[in-house]
N, C-alpha and C. Protein backbone atom coordinates (compact mmCIF):
# COMPACT_ATOMS: atom_id res chain seq x y z
N UNK A 1 55.43 -34.72 5.70
CA UNK A 1 54.09 -34.79 6.23
C UNK A 1 53.84 -33.66 7.22
N UNK A 2 54.83 -33.39 8.10
CA UNK A 2 54.68 -32.31 9.07
C UNK A 2 54.58 -30.97 8.38
N UNK A 3 55.33 -30.80 7.28
CA UNK A 3 55.30 -29.53 6.55
C UNK A 3 53.90 -29.25 6.03
N UNK A 4 53.21 -30.25 5.55
CA UNK A 4 51.84 -30.09 5.04
C UNK A 4 50.90 -29.68 6.19
N UNK A 5 51.06 -30.32 7.32
CA UNK A 5 50.22 -30.00 8.48
C UNK A 5 50.46 -28.56 8.94
N UNK A 6 51.70 -28.14 8.98
CA UNK A 6 52.04 -26.77 9.38
C UNK A 6 51.48 -25.78 8.37
N UNK A 7 51.60 -26.10 7.09
CA UNK A 7 51.07 -25.22 6.04
C UNK A 7 49.55 -25.11 6.16
N UNK A 8 48.88 -26.21 6.45
CA UNK A 8 47.43 -26.19 6.61
C UNK A 8 47.01 -25.34 7.81
N UNK A 9 47.75 -25.47 8.91
CA UNK A 9 47.45 -24.67 10.10
C UNK A 9 47.67 -23.19 9.80
N UNK A 10 48.75 -22.87 9.13
CA UNK A 10 49.03 -21.48 8.77
C UNK A 10 47.93 -20.93 7.86
N UNK A 11 47.47 -21.74 6.92
CA UNK A 11 46.40 -21.32 6.00
C UNK A 11 45.11 -21.07 6.79
N UNK A 12 44.82 -21.96 7.74
CA UNK A 12 43.61 -21.80 8.54
C UNK A 12 43.70 -20.54 9.40
N UNK A 13 44.87 -20.28 9.97
CA UNK A 13 45.05 -19.08 10.79
C UNK A 13 44.88 -17.82 9.95
N UNK A 14 45.43 -17.85 8.75
CA UNK A 14 45.30 -16.70 7.85
C UNK A 14 43.82 -16.47 7.50
N UNK A 15 43.10 -17.54 7.22
CA UNK A 15 41.68 -17.43 6.91
C UNK A 15 40.90 -16.89 8.11
N UNK A 16 41.26 -17.34 9.31
CA UNK A 16 40.60 -16.87 10.53
C UNK A 16 40.86 -15.38 10.73
N UNK A 17 42.08 -14.93 10.47
CA UNK A 17 42.40 -13.51 10.60
C UNK A 17 41.61 -12.69 9.59
N UNK A 18 41.49 -13.19 8.36
CA UNK A 18 40.71 -12.49 7.35
C UNK A 18 39.24 -12.41 7.75
N UNK A 19 38.72 -13.51 8.29
CA UNK A 19 37.34 -13.54 8.73
C UNK A 19 37.13 -12.55 9.87
N UNK A 20 38.08 -12.47 10.79
CA UNK A 20 37.98 -11.53 11.90
C UNK A 20 37.95 -10.10 11.38
N UNK A 21 38.79 -9.77 10.41
CA UNK A 21 38.80 -8.43 9.83
C UNK A 21 37.47 -8.12 9.16
N UNK A 22 36.91 -9.10 8.45
CA UNK A 22 35.62 -8.91 7.80
C UNK A 22 34.52 -8.70 8.84
N UNK A 23 34.57 -9.46 9.94
CA UNK A 23 33.58 -9.31 11.00
C UNK A 23 33.67 -7.92 11.61
N UNK A 24 34.88 -7.44 11.87
CA UNK A 24 35.07 -6.11 12.44
C UNK A 24 34.55 -5.03 11.49
N UNK A 25 34.83 -5.19 10.20
CA UNK A 25 34.35 -4.22 9.22
C UNK A 25 32.83 -4.23 9.15
N UNK A 26 32.24 -5.42 9.22
CA UNK A 26 30.78 -5.53 9.19
C UNK A 26 30.17 -4.92 10.44
N UNK A 27 30.79 -5.16 11.60
CA UNK A 27 30.31 -4.56 12.85
C UNK A 27 30.31 -3.03 12.75
N UNK A 28 31.38 -2.47 12.22
CA UNK A 28 31.49 -1.02 12.06
C UNK A 28 30.42 -0.51 11.10
N UNK A 29 30.24 -1.23 10.02
CA UNK A 29 29.21 -0.86 9.04
C UNK A 29 27.82 -0.88 9.67
N UNK A 30 27.52 -1.92 10.44
CA UNK A 30 26.22 -2.01 11.11
C UNK A 30 26.03 -0.88 12.11
N UNK A 31 27.09 -0.55 12.84
CA UNK A 31 27.04 0.53 13.81
C UNK A 31 26.73 1.87 13.16
N UNK A 32 27.25 2.06 11.95
CA UNK A 32 27.11 3.34 11.25
C UNK A 32 25.89 3.41 10.33
N UNK A 33 25.14 2.34 10.22
CA UNK A 33 23.95 2.33 9.39
C UNK A 33 22.75 2.74 10.23
N UNK A 34 22.00 3.73 9.76
CA UNK A 34 20.82 4.20 10.47
C UNK A 34 19.57 3.73 9.73
N UNK A 35 18.68 3.07 10.47
CA UNK A 35 17.43 2.58 9.91
C UNK A 35 16.29 3.34 10.56
N UNK A 36 15.30 3.72 9.75
CA UNK A 36 14.18 4.49 10.27
C UNK A 36 12.90 3.68 10.16
N UNK A 37 12.12 3.74 11.21
CA UNK A 37 10.78 3.17 11.19
C UNK A 37 9.79 4.31 11.36
N UNK A 38 8.71 4.27 10.60
CA UNK A 38 7.71 5.34 10.69
C UNK A 38 6.33 4.75 10.90
N UNK A 39 5.47 5.54 11.55
CA UNK A 39 4.08 5.16 11.75
C UNK A 39 3.22 6.41 11.64
N UNK A 40 1.97 6.19 11.37
CA UNK A 40 1.05 7.32 11.29
C UNK A 40 1.39 8.28 10.17
N UNK A 41 1.81 7.72 9.04
CA UNK A 41 2.15 8.59 7.91
C UNK A 41 3.32 9.51 8.18
N UNK A 42 4.20 9.10 9.07
CA UNK A 42 5.38 9.91 9.39
C UNK A 42 5.22 10.74 10.65
N UNK A 43 4.09 10.58 11.34
CA UNK A 43 3.86 11.35 12.57
C UNK A 43 4.79 10.90 13.69
N UNK A 44 5.20 9.64 13.65
CA UNK A 44 6.14 9.10 14.63
C UNK A 44 7.26 8.42 13.86
N UNK A 45 8.48 8.74 14.24
CA UNK A 45 9.65 8.16 13.57
C UNK A 45 10.64 7.70 14.63
N UNK A 46 11.16 6.47 14.46
CA UNK A 46 12.22 5.98 15.34
C UNK A 46 13.42 5.61 14.50
N UNK A 47 14.59 5.75 15.11
CA UNK A 47 15.84 5.40 14.43
C UNK A 47 16.61 4.41 15.28
N UNK A 48 17.13 3.39 14.63
CA UNK A 48 18.00 2.40 15.23
C UNK A 48 19.22 2.27 14.33
N UNK A 49 20.32 1.77 14.88
CA UNK A 49 21.43 1.44 14.00
C UNK A 49 21.33 -0.03 13.61
N UNK A 50 22.22 -0.46 12.76
CA UNK A 50 22.18 -1.83 12.25
C UNK A 50 22.51 -2.88 13.29
N UNK A 51 22.92 -2.46 14.48
CA UNK A 51 23.18 -3.39 15.58
C UNK A 51 21.99 -3.46 16.53
N UNK A 52 20.86 -2.95 16.07
CA UNK A 52 19.61 -2.95 16.83
C UNK A 52 19.70 -2.08 18.09
N UNK A 53 20.49 -1.03 18.02
CA UNK A 53 20.62 -0.09 19.13
C UNK A 53 19.77 1.14 18.84
N UNK A 54 18.94 1.51 19.80
CA UNK A 54 18.06 2.66 19.67
C UNK A 54 18.86 3.95 19.57
N UNK A 55 18.45 4.82 18.64
CA UNK A 55 19.12 6.11 18.47
C UNK A 55 18.19 7.25 18.92
N UNK A 56 16.98 7.30 18.34
CA UNK A 56 16.10 8.41 18.68
C UNK A 56 14.66 8.15 18.28
N UNK A 57 13.77 8.99 18.81
CA UNK A 57 12.37 8.99 18.43
C UNK A 57 11.96 10.44 18.16
N UNK A 58 11.15 10.64 17.14
CA UNK A 58 10.63 11.96 16.83
C UNK A 58 9.11 11.85 16.72
N UNK A 59 8.43 12.72 17.46
CA UNK A 59 6.97 12.71 17.45
C UNK A 59 6.50 14.08 16.95
N UNK A 60 5.66 14.06 15.93
CA UNK A 60 5.11 15.31 15.41
C UNK A 60 3.83 15.66 16.17
N UNK A 61 3.51 16.93 16.24
CA UNK A 61 2.32 17.36 16.98
C UNK A 61 1.04 16.66 16.53
N UNK A 62 0.90 16.35 15.26
CA UNK A 62 -0.33 15.69 14.77
C UNK A 62 -0.50 14.28 15.32
N UNK A 63 0.58 13.69 15.86
CA UNK A 63 0.45 12.37 16.49
C UNK A 63 -0.25 12.49 17.84
N UNK A 64 -0.11 13.65 18.48
CA UNK A 64 -0.71 13.87 19.79
C UNK A 64 -2.12 14.45 19.66
N UNK A 65 -2.28 15.41 18.77
CA UNK A 65 -3.59 16.01 18.56
C UNK A 65 -3.82 16.22 17.07
N UNK A 66 -4.35 15.20 16.39
CA UNK A 66 -4.52 15.29 14.94
C UNK A 66 -5.49 16.40 14.51
N UNK A 67 -6.45 16.72 15.36
CA UNK A 67 -7.44 17.75 15.01
C UNK A 67 -6.89 19.16 15.14
N UNK A 68 -5.91 19.35 16.02
CA UNK A 68 -5.36 20.69 16.24
C UNK A 68 -3.88 20.58 16.64
N UNK A 69 -3.02 20.19 15.69
CA UNK A 69 -1.61 19.99 16.02
C UNK A 69 -0.92 21.26 16.53
N UNK A 70 -1.42 22.43 16.14
CA UNK A 70 -0.81 23.68 16.58
C UNK A 70 -0.95 23.90 18.08
N UNK A 71 -1.91 23.20 18.69
CA UNK A 71 -2.15 23.37 20.13
C UNK A 71 -1.15 22.61 21.00
N UNK A 72 -0.37 21.75 20.37
CA UNK A 72 0.56 20.92 21.13
C UNK A 72 1.85 21.69 21.41
N UNK A 73 2.18 21.79 22.67
CA UNK A 73 3.37 22.50 23.13
C UNK A 73 4.63 21.71 22.76
N UNK A 74 5.62 22.35 22.14
CA UNK A 74 6.87 21.64 21.78
C UNK A 74 7.55 20.99 22.99
N UNK A 75 7.45 21.61 24.16
CA UNK A 75 8.06 21.03 25.36
C UNK A 75 7.38 19.71 25.74
N UNK A 76 6.08 19.63 25.52
CA UNK A 76 5.33 18.39 25.78
C UNK A 76 5.85 17.27 24.89
N UNK A 77 6.08 17.61 23.63
CA UNK A 77 6.61 16.61 22.69
C UNK A 77 7.99 16.15 23.13
N UNK A 78 8.84 17.11 23.52
CA UNK A 78 10.20 16.77 23.95
C UNK A 78 10.20 15.86 25.17
N UNK A 79 9.33 16.16 26.15
CA UNK A 79 9.23 15.32 27.34
C UNK A 79 8.76 13.92 26.97
N UNK A 80 7.75 13.84 26.11
CA UNK A 80 7.24 12.54 25.67
C UNK A 80 8.31 11.75 24.92
N UNK A 81 9.06 12.40 24.04
CA UNK A 81 10.15 11.73 23.32
C UNK A 81 11.20 11.21 24.30
N UNK A 82 11.54 12.03 25.31
CA UNK A 82 12.54 11.61 26.31
C UNK A 82 12.05 10.41 27.13
N UNK A 83 10.77 10.43 27.52
CA UNK A 83 10.22 9.32 28.30
C UNK A 83 10.21 8.02 27.49
N UNK A 84 9.78 8.11 26.25
CA UNK A 84 9.73 6.92 25.39
C UNK A 84 11.15 6.43 25.13
N UNK A 85 12.07 7.35 24.87
CA UNK A 85 13.48 6.97 24.63
C UNK A 85 14.04 6.23 25.84
N UNK A 86 13.78 6.75 27.02
CA UNK A 86 14.28 6.11 28.24
C UNK A 86 13.70 4.72 28.43
N UNK A 87 12.42 4.56 28.13
CA UNK A 87 11.77 3.25 28.26
C UNK A 87 12.35 2.25 27.25
N UNK A 88 12.60 2.69 26.04
CA UNK A 88 13.18 1.81 25.02
C UNK A 88 14.59 1.38 25.43
N UNK A 89 15.39 2.34 25.88
CA UNK A 89 16.76 2.03 26.30
C UNK A 89 16.76 1.08 27.49
N UNK A 90 15.85 1.30 28.44
CA UNK A 90 15.74 0.43 29.61
C UNK A 90 15.38 -1.00 29.20
N UNK A 91 14.39 -1.13 28.32
CA UNK A 91 13.99 -2.47 27.87
C UNK A 91 15.10 -3.14 27.08
N UNK A 92 15.80 -2.39 26.27
CA UNK A 92 16.90 -2.95 25.48
C UNK A 92 18.03 -3.42 26.39
N UNK A 93 18.34 -2.64 27.42
CA UNK A 93 19.37 -3.03 28.39
C UNK A 93 18.98 -4.32 29.10
N UNK A 94 17.73 -4.41 29.52
CA UNK A 94 17.25 -5.61 30.20
C UNK A 94 17.30 -6.82 29.28
N UNK A 95 16.95 -6.64 28.01
CA UNK A 95 16.98 -7.75 27.05
C UNK A 95 18.42 -8.23 26.85
N UNK A 96 19.36 -7.30 26.76
CA UNK A 96 20.78 -7.66 26.60
C UNK A 96 21.30 -8.40 27.82
N UNK A 97 20.92 -7.93 29.02
CA UNK A 97 21.36 -8.58 30.25
C UNK A 97 20.78 -9.99 30.36
N UNK A 98 19.52 -10.15 29.97
CA UNK A 98 18.89 -11.46 30.00
C UNK A 98 19.59 -12.42 29.04
N UNK A 99 19.83 -11.95 27.82
CA UNK A 99 20.50 -12.80 26.83
C UNK A 99 21.90 -13.18 27.31
N UNK A 100 22.61 -12.21 27.87
CA UNK A 100 23.96 -12.48 28.36
C UNK A 100 23.92 -13.50 29.50
N UNK A 101 22.95 -13.37 30.39
CA UNK A 101 22.81 -14.30 31.51
C UNK A 101 22.50 -15.71 31.03
N UNK A 102 21.57 -15.83 30.09
CA UNK A 102 21.18 -17.14 29.56
C UNK A 102 22.35 -17.80 28.83
N UNK A 103 23.06 -17.00 28.01
CA UNK A 103 24.19 -17.56 27.26
C UNK A 103 25.35 -17.90 28.19
N UNK A 104 25.53 -17.12 29.24
CA UNK A 104 26.60 -17.39 30.21
C UNK A 104 26.36 -18.73 30.89
N UNK A 105 25.09 -19.05 31.15
CA UNK A 105 24.76 -20.33 31.77
C UNK A 105 25.15 -21.48 30.84
N UNK A 106 25.01 -21.27 29.56
CA UNK A 106 25.34 -22.32 28.58
C UNK A 106 26.85 -22.46 28.42
N UNK A 107 27.55 -21.32 28.38
CA UNK A 107 29.00 -21.35 28.13
C UNK A 107 29.81 -21.54 29.39
N UNK A 108 29.15 -21.67 30.53
CA UNK A 108 29.86 -21.88 31.78
C UNK A 108 30.64 -20.67 32.23
N UNK A 109 30.20 -19.50 31.84
CA UNK A 109 30.85 -18.26 32.27
C UNK A 109 31.99 -17.82 31.37
N UNK A 110 32.27 -18.58 30.31
CA UNK A 110 33.31 -18.14 29.38
C UNK A 110 32.87 -16.82 28.77
N UNK A 111 33.79 -15.92 28.60
CA UNK A 111 33.48 -14.61 28.05
C UNK A 111 33.51 -14.66 26.52
N UNK A 112 32.48 -15.25 25.94
CA UNK A 112 32.40 -15.35 24.48
C UNK A 112 31.62 -14.18 23.94
N UNK A 113 32.13 -13.55 22.90
CA UNK A 113 31.42 -12.43 22.26
C UNK A 113 30.72 -13.00 21.03
N UNK A 114 29.41 -12.90 21.03
CA UNK A 114 28.64 -13.34 19.88
C UNK A 114 28.20 -12.09 19.14
N UNK A 115 28.68 -11.90 17.91
CA UNK A 115 28.39 -10.66 17.16
C UNK A 115 26.88 -10.41 17.08
N UNK A 116 26.53 -9.16 17.34
CA UNK A 116 25.14 -8.75 17.21
C UNK A 116 24.30 -8.94 18.46
N UNK A 117 24.80 -9.65 19.45
CA UNK A 117 24.02 -9.87 20.65
C UNK A 117 24.33 -8.89 21.75
N UNK A 118 25.58 -8.49 21.90
CA UNK A 118 25.93 -7.59 23.01
C UNK A 118 26.73 -6.44 22.49
């Protein structure tokens, strides 16, 4: 009887290890997947990875001045992209901290890693 119980525990541990490897592989895959969102017919493009982490924003001159895109200074676009990027990163950081704080209250401070949240 004990042999069966030990075999079952070993089988469960092996399955847990396989699941952990699959989770790690999926996490890596999500990290390396780039998703693009576009607006204005491609005038604005944002990129995130599969873990919902912001990568970049690209703004074309026609998004700023559709009637005369040539009048838009490239440095103006770069500054605008940097400002928007910083705001997105700031909001994302705050959202992660809030989620971590709320979940910590539930788990009693246990350091549990929930895939995709942090």
